[in-house]
C-alpha atoms as a PDB file:
ATOM      1  CA  MET A   1     -16.002 -86.903 -76.864  1.00  0.00           C
ATOM      2  CA  GLU A   2     -15.168 -87.112 -80.548  1.00  0.00           C
ATOM      3  CA  ASN A   3     -11.795 -88.468 -81.586  1.00  0.00           C
ATOM      4  CA  PHE A   4     -10.094 -86.523 -84.366  1.00  0.00           C
ATOM      5  CA  GLU A   5      -7.009 -87.888 -86.055  1.00  0.00           C
ATOM      6  CA  LYS A   6      -4.399 -85.377 -86.978  1.00  0.00           C
ATOM      7  CA  GLY A   7      -3.503 -85.436 -90.667  1.00  0.00           C
ATOM      8  CA  PRO A   8       0.066 -85.629 -91.907  1.00  0.00           C
ATOM      9  CA  GLU A   9       2.319 -82.695 -91.046  1.00  0.00           C
ATOM     10  CA  ARG A  10       2.561 -80.150 -93.835  1.00  0.00           C
ATOM     11  CA  ILE A  11       6.134 -79.751 -95.089  1.00  0.00           C
ATOM     12  CA  LEU A  12       6.799 -76.326 -96.587  1.00  0.00           C
ATOM     13  CA  THR A  13       8.519 -76.115 -99.954  1.00  0.00           C
ATOM     14  CA  LYS A  14      11.723 -74.173-100.521  1.00  0.00           C
ATOM     15  CA  GLU A  15       9.712 -71.598-102.480  1.00  0.00           C
ATOM     16  CA  GLU A  16       7.347 -71.061 -99.537  1.00  0.00           C
ATOM     17  CA  VAL A  17      10.268 -70.646 -97.132  1.00  0.00           C
ATOM     18  CA  VAL A  18      12.073 -68.216 -99.473  1.00  0.00           C
ATOM     19  CA  GLU A  19       8.873 -66.184 -99.875  1.00  0.00           C
ATOM     20  CA  LYS A  20       8.646 -65.746 -96.100  1.00  0.00           C
ATOM     21  CA  ILE A  21      12.346 -64.970 -95.638  1.00  0.00           C
ATOM     22  CA  LYS A  22      12.055 -62.258 -98.308  1.00  0.00           C
ATOM     23  CA  THR A  23       9.636 -60.414 -96.002  1.00  0.00           C
ATOM     24  CA  PHE A  24      12.588 -59.924 -93.615  1.00  0.00           C
ATOM     25  CA  ALA A  25      15.638 -59.815 -95.883  1.00  0.00           C
ATOM     26  CA  GLU A  26      16.618 -58.793 -99.395  1.00  0.00           C
ATOM     27  CA  ASN A  27      19.836 -59.331-101.339  1.00  0.00           C
ATOM     28  CA  TYR A  28      20.873 -62.303 -99.240  1.00  0.00           C
ATOM     29  CA  GLU A  29      23.167 -65.212-100.043  1.00  0.00           C
ATOM     30  CA  ILE A  30      22.109 -68.797 -99.442  1.00  0.00           C
ATOM     31  CA  ARG A  31      24.493 -70.272 -96.892  1.00  0.00           C
ATOM     32  CA  ARG A  32      23.068 -73.744 -96.361  1.00  0.00           C
ATOM     33  CA  GLU A  33      20.106 -75.785 -97.587  1.00  0.00           C
ATOM     34  CA  LEU A  34      19.405 -79.271 -96.218  1.00  0.00           C
ATOM     35  CA  SER A  35      16.629 -81.725 -97.048  1.00  0.00           C
ATOM     36  CA  ASP A  36      15.671 -85.241 -96.080  1.00  0.00           C
ATOM     37  CA  GLU A  37      13.169 -87.728 -97.508  1.00  0.00           C
ATOM     38  CA  ASN A  38      10.337 -85.467 -96.287  1.00  0.00           C
ATOM     39  CA  GLY A  39      11.659 -82.243 -97.805  1.00  0.00           C
ATOM     40  CA  LEU A  40      13.442 -79.089 -96.686  1.00  0.00           C
ATOM     41  CA  TYR A  41      14.347 -79.040 -92.985  1.00  0.00           C
ATOM     42  CA  LEU A  42      17.010 -76.314 -92.777  1.00  0.00           C
ATOM     43  CA  PHE A  43      17.568 -73.216 -94.889  1.00  0.00           C
ATOM     44  CA  GLU A  44      20.032 -70.453 -93.965  1.00  0.00           C
ATOM     45  CA  VAL A  45      20.689 -67.142 -95.658  1.00  0.00           C
ATOM     46  CA  THR A  46      23.128 -64.374 -94.740  1.00  0.00           C
ATOM     47  CA  LEU A  47      23.430 -60.681 -95.464  1.00  0.00           C
ATOM     48  CA  PRO A  48      25.445 -57.752 -94.118  1.00  0.00           C
ATOM     49  CA  ASP A  49      24.238 -56.329 -90.810  1.00  0.00           C
ATOM     50  CA  PRO A  50      24.469 -52.533 -90.893  1.00  0.00           C
ATOM     51  CA  GLU A  51      24.101 -52.316 -87.088  1.00  0.00           C
ATOM     52  CA  THR A  52      27.072 -54.515 -86.148  1.00  0.00           C
ATOM     53  CA  GLY A  53      29.114 -54.358 -89.343  1.00  0.00           C
ATOM     54  CA  GLY A  54      29.037 -58.136 -89.234  1.00  0.00           C
ATOM     55  CA  VAL A  55      26.562 -60.597 -90.626  1.00  0.00           C
ATOM     56  CA  MET A  56      22.873 -61.251 -90.110  1.00  0.00           C
ATOM     57  CA  GLU A  57      21.544 -64.766 -90.643  1.00  0.00           C
ATOM     58  CA  TYR A  58      17.981 -65.978 -91.152  1.00  0.00           C
ATOM     59  CA  MET A  59      17.541 -69.662 -90.445  1.00  0.00           C
ATOM     60  CA  TYR A  60      14.452 -71.767 -91.209  1.00  0.00           C
ATOM     61  CA  LEU A  61      14.024 -74.949 -89.155  1.00  0.00           C
ATOM     62  CA  ARG A  62      11.272 -77.496 -89.734  1.00  0.00           C
ATOM     63  CA  LYS A  63       9.427 -78.917 -86.736  1.00  0.00           C
ATOM     64  CA  GLY A  64      10.669 -82.230 -85.362  1.00  0.00           C
ATOM     65  CA  GLU A  65      14.000 -84.004 -85.335  1.00  0.00           C
ATOM     66  CA  ASN A  66      16.138 -83.804 -88.453  1.00  0.00           C
ATOM     67  CA  PRO A  67      19.032 -85.967 -89.681  1.00  0.00           C
ATOM     68  CA  SER A  68      21.508 -83.589 -87.978  1.00  0.00           C
ATOM     69  CA  LYS A  69      19.809 -84.547 -84.664  1.00  0.00           C
ATOM     70  CA  ASN A  70      18.590 -80.990 -84.091  1.00  0.00           C
ATOM     71  CA  ARG A  71      15.100 -80.912 -82.626  1.00  0.00           C
ATOM     72  CA  THR A  72      12.521 -78.141 -82.528  1.00  0.00           C
ATOM     73  CA  SER A  73       8.904 -78.147 -81.368  1.00  0.00           C
ATOM     74  CA  GLU A  74       7.685 -75.829 -84.115  1.00  0.00           C
ATOM     75  CA  THR A  75       8.554 -74.717 -87.622  1.00  0.00           C
ATOM     76  CA  THR A  76      10.314 -71.379 -87.223  1.00  0.00           C
ATOM     77  CA  ILE A  77      12.540 -68.712 -88.712  1.00  0.00           C
ATOM     78  CA  TYR A  78      15.276 -67.328 -86.484  1.00  0.00           C
ATOM     79  CA  LYS A  79      17.336 -64.178 -86.974  1.00  0.00           C
ATOM     80  CA  ASN A  80      20.876 -64.307 -85.632  1.00  0.00           C
ATOM     81  CA  LYS A  81      23.441 -61.479 -85.587  1.00  0.00           C
ATOM     82  CA  PHE A  82      27.215 -61.831 -85.641  1.00  0.00           C
ATOM     83  CA  ASP A  83      29.925 -59.193 -85.121  1.00  0.00           C
ATOM     84  CA  LEU A  84      32.944 -58.607 -87.368  1.00  0.00           C
ATOM     85  CA  ASP A  85      34.770 -61.519 -85.710  1.00  0.00           C
ATOM     86  CA  GLY A  86      31.882 -63.896 -86.346  1.00  0.00           C
ATOM     87  CA  MET A  87      30.853 -63.991 -82.689  1.00  0.00           C
ATOM     88  CA  PRO A  88      27.098 -64.131 -82.001  1.00  0.00           C
ATOM     89  CA  VAL A  89      25.742 -60.873 -80.595  1.00  0.00           C
ATOM     90  CA  GLY A  90      22.022 -61.583 -80.582  1.00  0.00           C
ATOM     91  CA  GLY A  91      19.200 -63.567 -82.004  1.00  0.00           C
ATOM     92  CA  ASP A  92      15.449 -63.886 -81.992  1.00  0.00           C
ATOM     93  CA  ASN A  93      12.682 -66.087 -83.301  1.00  0.00           C
ATOM     94  CA  VAL A  94      11.019 -63.852 -85.919  1.00  0.00           C
ATOM     95  CA  ALA A  95       8.268 -66.129 -87.286  1.00  0.00           C
ATOM     96  CA  SER A  96       6.484 -69.380 -86.480  1.00  0.00           C
ATOM     97  CA  TYR A  97       4.423 -71.489 -88.850  1.00  0.00           C
ATOM     98  CA  ASP A  98       0.907 -72.242 -87.593  1.00  0.00           C
ATOM     99  CA  GLU A  99      -0.112 -75.672 -88.876  1.00  0.00           C
ATOM    100  CA  ALA A 100      -3.761 -75.114 -87.910  1.00  0.00           C
ATOM    101  CA  THR A 101      -4.145 -72.038 -90.130  1.00  0.00           C
ATOM    102  CA  GLY A 102      -1.451 -72.843 -92.691  1.00  0.00           C
ATOM    103  CA  SER A 103       0.113 -69.429 -92.256  1.00  0.00           C
ATOM    104  CA  TRP A 104       3.106 -67.713 -90.694  1.00  0.00           C
ATOM    105  CA  LYS A 105       2.834 -65.691 -87.490  1.00  0.00           C
ATOM    106  CA  ASP A 106       5.401 -62.912 -87.172  1.00  0.00           C
ATOM    107  CA  ILE A 107       6.903 -62.497 -83.720  1.00  0.00           C
ATOM    108  CA  VAL A 108       7.725 -58.919 -82.812  1.00  0.00           C
END
């Protein structure tokens, strides 16, 4: 059996993350952007949610453990919804980054 070494993990740039988020949301405000020595690991944007009257948030998380001690097994974008009081009312993983293909997979 052949032994293949995995190359270094690909860290997406802010521009690549923003490009993907724009496929889900327009006219958003950047809420939080955090990086470490490897690059961007968390990026959050918010916009009004017409369904709840509250806020919708899209949150990018890079695979692995970050300095905030959050840990995720894959690079993803989550969509979270909050009501007028700021209480969460729903959320879903909307996209995952496939390292093998170098592309995003939308989750419906």
